[in-house]
N, C-alpha and C. Protein backbone atom coordinates (compact mmCIF):
# COMPACT_ATOMS: atom_id res chain seq x y z
N MET A 1 159.45 -10.34 141.27
CA MET A 1 159.06 -11.71 141.07
C MET A 1 157.92 -11.84 140.06
N PRO A 2 156.93 -10.96 140.07
CA PRO A 2 155.87 -11.07 139.07
C PRO A 2 156.41 -10.88 137.65
N ASP A 3 157.49 -10.12 137.50
CA ASP A 3 158.06 -9.91 136.18
C ASP A 3 158.62 -11.22 135.62
N GLN A 4 159.17 -12.06 136.47
CA GLN A 4 159.71 -13.34 136.01
C GLN A 4 158.59 -14.26 135.54
N ARG A 5 157.50 -14.27 136.26
CA ARG A 5 156.36 -15.11 135.85
C ARG A 5 155.83 -14.66 134.50
N ASP A 6 155.76 -13.33 134.31
CA ASP A 6 155.29 -12.81 133.04
C ASP A 6 156.26 -13.16 131.91
N ALA A 7 157.55 -13.05 132.19
CA ALA A 7 158.55 -13.37 131.17
C ALA A 7 158.48 -14.84 130.77
N VAL A 8 158.28 -15.70 131.75
CA VAL A 8 158.17 -17.14 131.48
C VAL A 8 156.93 -17.42 130.65
N LEU A 9 155.83 -16.77 130.99
CA LEU A 9 154.58 -16.96 130.26
C LEU A 9 154.72 -16.48 128.81
N VAL A 10 155.35 -15.33 128.62
CA VAL A 10 155.54 -14.79 127.27
C VAL A 10 156.46 -15.71 126.46
N GLU A 11 157.52 -16.20 127.08
CA GLU A 11 158.44 -17.09 126.38
C GLU A 11 157.77 -18.41 126.02
N THR A 12 156.95 -18.94 126.90
CA THR A 12 156.22 -20.17 126.63
C THR A 12 155.25 -19.99 125.46
N ALA A 13 154.55 -18.86 125.46
CA ALA A 13 153.61 -18.59 124.38
C ALA A 13 154.36 -18.43 123.05
N ARG A 14 155.51 -17.78 123.08
CA ARG A 14 156.30 -17.59 121.86
C ARG A 14 156.79 -18.95 121.32
N THR A 15 157.26 -19.80 122.21
CA THR A 15 157.73 -21.13 121.80
C THR A 15 156.58 -21.95 121.22
N GLN A 16 155.44 -21.89 121.86
CA GLN A 16 154.27 -22.64 121.37
C GLN A 16 153.85 -22.15 119.99
N ARG A 17 153.87 -20.84 119.80
CA ARG A 17 153.51 -20.29 118.49
C ARG A 17 154.49 -20.72 117.42
N MET A 18 155.78 -20.74 117.75
CA MET A 18 156.78 -21.18 116.77
C MET A 18 156.57 -22.65 116.42
N ARG A 19 156.28 -23.47 117.39
CA ARG A 19 156.04 -24.90 117.13
C ARG A 19 154.80 -25.10 116.28
N LEU A 20 153.74 -24.37 116.59
CA LEU A 20 152.53 -24.49 115.80
C LEU A 20 152.74 -24.01 114.36
N GLY A 21 153.49 -22.93 114.22
CA GLY A 21 153.79 -22.42 112.88
C GLY A 21 154.62 -23.41 112.08
N SER A 22 155.60 -24.03 112.72
CA SER A 22 156.42 -25.03 112.04
C SER A 22 155.59 -26.25 111.65
N ALA A 23 154.69 -26.66 112.54
CA ALA A 23 153.84 -27.80 112.24
C ALA A 23 152.90 -27.48 111.08
N LEU A 24 152.41 -26.26 111.03
CA LEU A 24 151.51 -25.87 109.95
C LEU A 24 152.25 -25.83 108.61
N LEU A 25 153.47 -25.28 108.62
CA LEU A 25 154.23 -25.15 107.38
C LEU A 25 154.86 -26.47 106.91
N TYR A 26 155.43 -27.20 107.82
CA TYR A 26 156.26 -28.35 107.43
C TYR A 26 155.65 -29.70 107.79
N GLY A 27 154.60 -29.74 108.55
CA GLY A 27 154.00 -31.01 108.96
C GLY A 27 154.55 -31.47 110.30
N ARG A 28 154.08 -32.66 110.70
CA ARG A 28 154.53 -33.21 111.99
C ARG A 28 156.02 -33.50 111.95
N ILE A 29 156.62 -33.61 113.12
CA ILE A 29 158.07 -33.77 113.19
C ILE A 29 158.54 -35.08 112.57
N ASP A 30 157.79 -36.16 112.74
CA ASP A 30 158.22 -37.43 112.15
C ASP A 30 158.10 -37.39 110.63
N GLU A 31 157.23 -36.53 110.10
CA GLU A 31 157.15 -36.36 108.65
C GLU A 31 158.30 -35.50 108.14
N ARG A 32 158.80 -34.61 108.99
CA ARG A 32 159.89 -33.72 108.59
C ARG A 32 161.24 -34.41 108.67
N ARG A 33 161.33 -35.46 109.46
CA ARG A 33 162.60 -36.16 109.58
C ARG A 33 162.99 -36.77 108.24
N THR A 34 164.22 -36.59 107.90
CA THR A 34 164.68 -37.14 106.63
C THR A 34 165.18 -38.56 106.86
N VAL A 35 165.30 -39.28 105.78
CA VAL A 35 165.82 -40.64 105.85
C VAL A 35 167.27 -40.61 106.32
N ASN A 36 167.96 -39.55 106.01
CA ASN A 36 169.36 -39.43 106.37
C ASN A 36 169.55 -39.52 107.89
N ASP A 37 168.64 -38.94 108.68
CA ASP A 37 168.74 -39.02 110.13
C ASP A 37 168.65 -40.47 110.59
N ASN A 38 167.70 -41.20 110.04
CA ASN A 38 167.52 -42.59 110.44
C ASN A 38 168.66 -43.47 109.97
N VAL A 39 169.21 -43.18 108.79
CA VAL A 39 170.35 -43.95 108.29
C VAL A 39 171.56 -43.74 109.19
N ARG A 40 171.77 -42.53 109.64
CA ARG A 40 172.88 -42.25 110.56
C ARG A 40 172.72 -43.05 111.84
N ARG A 41 171.52 -43.11 112.35
CA ARG A 41 171.28 -43.88 113.57
C ARG A 41 171.57 -45.35 113.37
N VAL A 42 171.14 -45.88 112.24
CA VAL A 42 171.38 -47.30 111.96
C VAL A 42 172.87 -47.57 111.82
N VAL A 43 173.57 -46.72 111.08
CA VAL A 43 175.01 -46.90 110.89
C VAL A 43 175.74 -46.79 112.22
N ALA A 44 175.38 -45.82 113.02
CA ALA A 44 176.03 -45.66 114.33
C ALA A 44 175.75 -46.88 115.21
N SER A 45 174.53 -47.39 115.16
CA SER A 45 174.20 -48.58 115.95
C SER A 45 175.00 -49.79 115.49
N LEU A 46 175.17 -49.93 114.18
CA LEU A 46 175.96 -51.05 113.65
C LEU A 46 177.42 -50.94 114.06
N VAL A 47 177.95 -49.73 114.05
CA VAL A 47 179.34 -49.53 114.46
C VAL A 47 179.52 -49.88 115.93
N VAL A 48 178.61 -49.44 116.76
CA VAL A 48 178.70 -49.75 118.19
C VAL A 48 178.57 -51.26 118.41
N ALA A 49 177.66 -51.91 117.70
CA ALA A 49 177.50 -53.36 117.83
C ALA A 49 178.76 -54.09 117.36
N ALA A 50 179.36 -53.64 116.28
CA ALA A 50 180.58 -54.27 115.79
C ALA A 50 181.73 -54.10 116.78
N LEU A 51 181.84 -52.94 117.39
CA LEU A 51 182.87 -52.73 118.40
C LEU A 51 182.65 -53.62 119.62
N ALA A 52 181.40 -53.77 120.03
CA ALA A 52 181.10 -54.64 121.17
C ALA A 52 181.44 -56.09 120.84
N CYS A 53 181.11 -56.53 119.64
CA CYS A 53 181.45 -57.90 119.23
C CYS A 53 182.96 -58.10 119.17
N ALA A 54 183.66 -57.14 118.62
CA ALA A 54 185.12 -57.24 118.53
C ALA A 54 185.75 -57.30 119.92
N ALA A 55 185.23 -56.52 120.85
CA ALA A 55 185.74 -56.56 122.21
C ALA A 55 185.50 -57.92 122.85
N CYS A 56 184.33 -58.49 122.64
CA CYS A 56 184.02 -59.82 123.19
C CYS A 56 184.93 -60.88 122.59
N VAL A 57 185.15 -60.84 121.30
CA VAL A 57 186.02 -61.81 120.65
C VAL A 57 187.45 -61.66 121.15
N GLY A 58 187.90 -60.43 121.29
CA GLY A 58 189.26 -60.18 121.80
C GLY A 58 189.45 -60.70 123.20
N VAL A 59 188.51 -60.44 124.07
CA VAL A 59 188.60 -60.92 125.45
C VAL A 59 188.58 -62.45 125.48
N SER A 60 187.73 -63.05 124.67
CA SER A 60 187.66 -64.51 124.61
C SER A 60 188.97 -65.10 124.10
N PHE A 61 189.55 -64.50 123.08
CA PHE A 61 190.81 -64.99 122.53
C PHE A 61 191.93 -64.93 123.56
N VAL A 62 192.05 -63.79 124.23
CA VAL A 62 193.11 -63.63 125.23
C VAL A 62 192.90 -64.60 126.39
N THR A 63 191.67 -64.76 126.84
CA THR A 63 191.38 -65.68 127.94
C THR A 63 191.74 -67.11 127.54
N ASP A 64 191.37 -67.51 126.34
CA ASP A 64 191.68 -68.86 125.87
C ASP A 64 193.19 -69.05 125.73
N LEU A 65 193.88 -68.06 125.21
CA LEU A 65 195.33 -68.13 125.05
C LEU A 65 196.02 -68.28 126.40
N LEU A 66 195.59 -67.50 127.37
CA LEU A 66 196.18 -67.59 128.71
C LEU A 66 195.88 -68.93 129.36
N ALA A 67 194.68 -69.46 129.15
CA ALA A 67 194.34 -70.77 129.71
C ALA A 67 195.19 -71.87 129.08
N LYS A 68 195.41 -71.79 127.76
CA LYS A 68 196.25 -72.78 127.09
C LYS A 68 197.68 -72.71 127.59
N GLN A 69 198.19 -71.50 127.78
CA GLN A 69 199.55 -71.35 128.29
C GLN A 69 199.68 -71.91 129.70
N ALA A 70 198.67 -71.67 130.54
CA ALA A 70 198.71 -72.20 131.90
C ALA A 70 198.64 -73.72 131.90
N ALA A 71 197.81 -74.30 131.03
CA ALA A 71 197.71 -75.75 130.95
C ALA A 71 199.01 -76.35 130.42
N GLU A 72 199.62 -75.70 129.43
CA GLU A 72 200.89 -76.18 128.89
C GLU A 72 201.98 -76.10 129.94
N LYS A 73 202.01 -75.05 130.69
CA LYS A 73 203.02 -74.88 131.73
C LYS A 73 202.83 -75.94 132.82
N ALA A 74 201.57 -76.21 133.16
CA ALA A 74 201.30 -77.21 134.19
C ALA A 74 201.68 -78.60 133.70
N SER A 75 201.44 -78.90 132.44
CA SER A 75 201.76 -80.24 131.92
C SER A 75 203.26 -80.42 131.75
N THR A 76 203.99 -79.38 131.38
CA THR A 76 205.44 -79.51 131.22
C THR A 76 206.13 -79.62 132.57
N SER A 77 205.61 -79.00 133.59
CA SER A 77 206.26 -79.07 134.90
C SER A 77 206.02 -80.43 135.55
N THR A 78 204.95 -81.12 135.26
CA THR A 78 204.70 -82.44 135.84
C THR A 78 205.29 -83.56 135.01
N SER A 79 205.56 -83.35 133.73
CA SER A 79 206.05 -84.43 132.88
C SER A 79 207.57 -84.52 132.89
N GLN A 80 208.30 -83.52 133.35
CA GLN A 80 209.75 -83.57 133.38
C GLN A 80 210.20 -84.32 134.63
N PRO A 81 211.12 -85.28 134.46
CA PRO A 81 211.62 -86.00 135.63
C PRO A 81 212.54 -85.10 136.45
N ALA A 82 212.65 -85.41 137.70
CA ALA A 82 213.52 -84.63 138.58
C ALA A 82 214.97 -84.89 138.19
N PRO A 83 215.81 -83.85 138.25
CA PRO A 83 217.22 -84.05 137.88
C PRO A 83 217.91 -84.98 138.88
N ALA A 84 218.84 -85.77 138.37
CA ALA A 84 219.57 -86.71 139.23
C ALA A 84 220.61 -85.97 140.04
N ARG A 85 220.80 -86.47 141.26
CA ARG A 85 221.84 -85.87 142.10
C ARG A 85 223.18 -86.48 141.72
N PRO A 86 224.21 -85.70 141.86
CA PRO A 86 225.53 -86.24 141.53
C PRO A 86 225.88 -87.43 142.44
N GLY A 87 226.50 -88.39 141.89
CA GLY A 87 226.94 -89.55 142.66
C GLY A 87 225.93 -90.66 142.70
N THR A 88 224.73 -90.46 142.14
CA THR A 88 223.74 -91.53 142.10
C THR A 88 223.47 -91.89 140.66
N THR A 89 222.98 -93.06 140.46
CA THR A 89 222.67 -93.49 139.10
C THR A 89 221.17 -93.41 138.90
N GLN A 90 220.81 -93.12 137.71
CA GLN A 90 219.39 -93.03 137.37
C GLN A 90 218.92 -94.36 136.87
N GLU A 91 217.80 -94.82 137.36
CA GLU A 91 217.24 -96.08 136.90
C GLU A 91 216.37 -95.79 135.70
N THR A 92 216.47 -96.65 134.71
CA THR A 92 215.64 -96.50 133.53
C THR A 92 214.55 -97.54 133.60
N PRO A 93 213.36 -97.19 133.36
CA PRO A 93 212.27 -98.18 133.43
C PRO A 93 212.24 -99.12 132.25
């Protein structure tokens, strides 16, 4: 068990030294980030936003279409007169 603690300590020190060396050579991480990384994030965000908007428009269109069909079906079923039975005459208003 003491060997594991030592190994963890050595690995932590090695990682810290590598980070310090990188910071010394290349500067802070936000200074090392290229514009390309941020452009990718913006483009990916725009794509996700466009997909979300398209999904909302699609759902709205389908919902509206179904509502119109239901209203049309309801209006056609109430506006048609009942068929006349054989042997009776239909009165015209």
